[in-house]
Protein backbone atom coordinates (compact mmCIF):
# COMPACT_ATOMS: atom_id res chain seq x y z
CA MET A 1 218.35 86.55 -41.75
CA ALA A 2 215.88 84.14 -43.36
CA ASN A 3 214.73 83.21 -39.85
CA LEU A 4 213.91 86.87 -39.08
CA GLU A 5 212.05 87.18 -42.37
CA SER A 6 209.85 84.17 -41.62
CA LEU A 7 209.23 85.44 -38.08
CA PHE A 8 208.23 88.84 -39.46
CA GLU A 9 205.84 87.23 -41.97
CA GLN A 10 204.26 85.18 -39.17
CA TRP A 11 203.88 88.32 -37.06
CA LEU A 12 202.24 90.17 -39.99
CA GLU A 13 199.78 87.32 -40.52
CA GLY A 14 198.68 87.67 -36.89
CA ASN A 15 200.34 84.54 -35.50
CA VAL A 16 201.32 84.78 -31.84
CA LEU A 17 205.10 84.80 -31.34
CA ASN A 18 206.83 84.01 -28.06
CA ALA A 19 208.80 86.67 -26.20
CA ALA A 20 212.19 85.50 -27.51
CA GLN A 21 211.03 85.66 -31.11
CA LEU A 22 209.54 89.13 -30.62
CA GLN A 23 212.77 90.24 -28.97
CA GLN A 24 214.77 89.00 -31.98
CA LEU A 25 212.61 91.07 -34.34
CA GLU A 26 212.75 94.17 -32.15
CA ASN A 27 216.56 93.94 -31.77
CA ASP A 28 217.11 93.97 -35.54
CA PRO A 29 216.99 97.62 -36.75
CA GLU A 30 215.47 96.78 -40.15
CA TYR A 31 212.68 94.58 -38.84
CA SER A 32 212.06 96.88 -35.89
CA ALA A 33 211.36 99.74 -38.31
CA LEU A 34 209.13 97.48 -40.43
CA MET A 35 207.18 96.42 -37.33
CA SER A 36 206.57 100.01 -36.24
CA GLN A 37 205.37 100.94 -39.76
CA ALA A 38 203.08 97.90 -39.85
CA GLN A 39 201.58 98.86 -36.49
CA VAL A 40 200.90 102.40 -37.75
CA TRP A 41 199.16 101.06 -40.86
CA GLN A 42 197.15 98.58 -38.80
CA GLN A 43 196.01 101.42 -36.54
CA HIS A 44 194.99 103.49 -39.58
CA SER A 45 193.14 100.48 -40.96
CA ASN A 46 191.26 99.96 -37.69
CA GLU A 47 190.28 103.64 -37.47
CA TYR A 48 189.10 103.86 -41.09
CA LYS A 49 185.46 104.89 -41.49
CA THR A 50 183.54 105.05 -44.71
CA VAL A 51 181.93 108.36 -45.63
CA PRO A 52 178.77 108.28 -47.71
CA VAL A 53 179.00 109.92 -51.11
CA PRO A 54 176.55 112.84 -51.46
CA GLN A 55 173.86 112.76 -54.13
CA TRP A 56 174.78 114.71 -57.24
CA ASP A 57 172.27 117.12 -58.66
CA ARG A 58 173.18 117.10 -62.28
CA GLN A 59 170.74 119.79 -63.37
CA SER A 60 172.21 122.38 -61.00
CA THR A 61 175.78 121.90 -62.24
CA MET A 62 175.17 121.88 -66.02
CA LEU A 63 174.51 125.13 -67.88
CA GLN A 64 171.36 125.24 -69.92
CA PHE A 65 171.63 126.50 -73.48
CA ALA A 66 168.31 127.85 -74.65
CA SER A 67 169.46 129.12 -78.00
CA VAL A 68 171.50 126.25 -79.42
CA SER A 69 170.35 126.89 -82.99
CA VAL A 70 171.70 130.47 -82.96
CA PHE A 71 175.19 129.26 -82.09
CA SER A 72 175.15 126.53 -84.72
CA MET A 73 174.04 128.96 -87.44
CA ALA A 74 176.79 131.42 -86.44
CA GLY A 75 179.37 128.65 -86.82
CA VAL A 76 178.11 127.83 -90.31
CA TRP A 77 178.27 131.51 -91.32
CA ALA A 78 181.83 131.81 -89.94
CA VAL A 79 183.01 128.79 -91.97
CA ALA A 80 181.33 130.11 -95.11
CA ALA A 81 182.88 133.54 -94.68
CA SER A 82 186.36 132.10 -94.24
CA VAL A 83 185.97 129.98 -97.41
CA VAL A 84 184.88 133.07 -99.39
CA VAL A 85 187.81 135.15 -98.06
CA CYS A 86 190.35 132.43 -98.91
CA SER A 87 188.99 132.02 -102.44
CA LEU A 88 189.07 135.79 -102.99
CA ILE A 89 192.70 135.94 -101.86
CA PHE A 90 193.70 133.27 -104.38
CA LEU A 91 191.64 134.78 -107.20
CA VAL A 92 192.78 138.35 -106.60
CA MET A 93 196.44 137.44 -106.14
CA PRO A 94 198.44 138.75 -109.11
CA LYS A 95 199.45 136.20 -111.67
CA GLN A 96 203.08 137.42 -111.50
CA GLN A 97 203.58 136.23 -107.94
CA ALA A 98 202.80 132.60 -108.78
CA PRO A 99 205.87 132.08 -111.02
CA GLU A 100 208.05 133.87 -108.46
CA LEU A 101 206.76 131.56 -105.77
CA LEU A 102 207.45 128.55 -107.99
CA ASN A 103 210.99 129.84 -108.64
CA GLN A 104 211.57 130.32 -104.93
CA VAL A 105 210.28 126.81 -104.22
CA ALA A 106 212.59 125.42 -106.94
CA LYS A 107 215.57 127.32 -105.48
CA GLN A 108 214.76 126.08 -101.98
CA THR A 109 214.49 122.52 -103.31
CA GLN A 110 217.87 122.82 -105.04
CA LEU A 111 219.37 124.26 -101.86
CA LEU A 112 217.99 121.38 -99.81
CA GLU A 113 219.35 118.86 -102.32
CA SER A 114 222.81 120.44 -102.25
CA GLN A 115 222.75 120.48 -98.46
CA GLN A 116 221.77 116.80 -98.46
CA LYS A 117 224.70 116.04 -100.78
CA GLN A 118 227.03 117.95 -98.44
CA ILE A 119 225.67 116.00 -95.48
CA ASP A 120 226.24 112.71 -97.35
CA GLN A 121 229.80 113.77 -98.21
CA LEU A 122 230.46 114.76 -94.58
CA GLN A 123 229.16 111.38 -93.40
CA LYS A 124 231.52 109.64 -95.84
CA VAL A 125 234.43 111.76 -94.58
CA ILE A 126 233.53 111.02 -90.96
CA THR A 127 233.28 107.29 -91.71
CA ALA A 128 236.70 107.36 -93.45
CA GLN A 129 238.20 109.29 -90.53
CA ASN A 130 236.75 106.78 -88.05
CA GLU A 131 238.26 103.89 -90.01
CA LEU A 132 241.61 105.67 -90.22
CA GLN A 133 241.48 106.43 -86.51
CA GLN A 134 240.75 102.78 -85.75
CA GLN A 135 243.72 101.73 -87.88
CA HIS A 136 245.94 104.21 -86.03
CA MET A 137 244.68 102.93 -82.68
CA TYR A 138 245.41 99.35 -83.77
CA GLN A 139 248.90 100.35 -84.91
CA LEU A 140 249.52 102.20 -81.62
CA ALA A 141 248.36 99.17 -79.65
CA LYS A 142 250.71 96.91 -81.63
CA GLU A 143 253.60 99.31 -81.06
CA ALA A 144 252.80 99.55 -77.35
CA ILE A 145 252.78 95.75 -77.06
CA ALA A 146 256.06 95.47 -78.99
CA THR A 147 257.64 98.21 -76.85
CA GLY A 148 256.44 96.45 -73.73
CA ARG A 149 257.99 93.20 -74.89
CA VAL A 150 261.30 94.90 -75.65
CA GLU A 151 261.30 96.65 -72.27
CA ARG A 152 260.50 93.40 -70.47
CA GLN A 153 263.31 91.64 -72.37
CA GLU A 154 265.70 94.43 -71.43
CA ASP A 155 264.59 94.23 -67.80
CA LEU A 156 265.12 90.46 -67.80
CA ASN A 157 268.57 90.89 -69.37
CA ASN A 158 269.47 93.50 -66.74
CA LEU A 159 268.24 91.16 -64.01
CA LEU A 160 270.32 88.28 -65.40
CA THR A 161 273.36 90.53 -65.62
CA TYR A 162 272.81 91.58 -62.02
CA PHE A 163 272.53 87.94 -60.90
CA LYS A 164 275.70 87.01 -62.79
CA THR A 165 277.56 89.96 -61.25
CA GLN A 166 276.37 89.01 -57.77
CA ARG A 167 277.36 85.40 -58.32
CA ALA A 168 280.82 86.40 -59.54
CA GLN A 169 281.26 88.69 -56.54
CA ASP A 170 280.10 85.92 -54.17
CA GLN A 171 282.53 83.44 -55.76
CA ALA A 172 285.37 85.96 -55.52
CA TYR A 173 284.53 86.57 -51.86
CA LEU A 174 284.46 82.82 -51.16
CA ARG A 175 287.85 82.40 -52.93
CA MET A 176 289.32 85.15 -50.76
CA GLN A 177 288.03 83.45 -47.62
CA LEU A 178 289.37 80.09 -48.77
CA ASN A 179 292.75 81.67 -49.55
CA ASP A 180 292.81 83.29 -46.09
CA LEU A 181 292.04 79.92 -44.50
CA ALA A 182 294.72 78.25 -46.59
CA GLU A 183 297.27 80.87 -45.48
CA GLN A 184 296.27 80.41 -41.85
CA VAL A 185 296.62 76.66 -42.18
CA GLN A 186 300.05 76.98 -43.78
CA GLU A 187 301.32 79.32 -41.06
CA GLN A 188 300.34 76.97 -38.22
CA PRO A 189 302.77 74.27 -37.16
CA LEU A 190 301.95 70.74 -38.24
CA ALA A 191 301.28 69.61 -34.64
CA ALA A 192 298.55 72.29 -34.23
CA ILE A 193 296.99 71.28 -37.52
CA ALA A 194 296.78 67.66 -36.43
CA LYS A 195 295.03 68.65 -33.21
CA ASN A 196 292.39 70.59 -35.07
């Protein structure tokens, strides 16, 4: 693969490759696609022509303001009027509303403080629950490990019992065969036994 990469880089740099090397690049689907894309971009690069930028007539595109001072004076009058209206609202406002507003602000502040205390208490409860949950998870993991050990021990004991049972059965079977052979030997005459 590294060989194809170096061949492709040589081809991109304009080095002349022999027919076998070109065939290797064209046979590989990845490098074949890269070669076709590179050829398209080279063709676009060769056909690129610069276009002169037209001269910009700045005066024809910008609006001319003849009466700039009128607009600036209107802005000053608008700001002055808004200041006068705001001051009148505060001066004319009844004196009774100010203490009510202060009481409402104090109530809202107390409400926010109590909500903050509730949030703090909830965070403490959540933290305690998380710690308790972690302890439960640790306990469950310990119990699962202990249960697994007990089950494995029981499985090993069952396996040993099975092996012992099989061994006892095999020994009993061998004893039966030996007894059968012994009976056969005893039933044969002594001359036949000597020949065997």
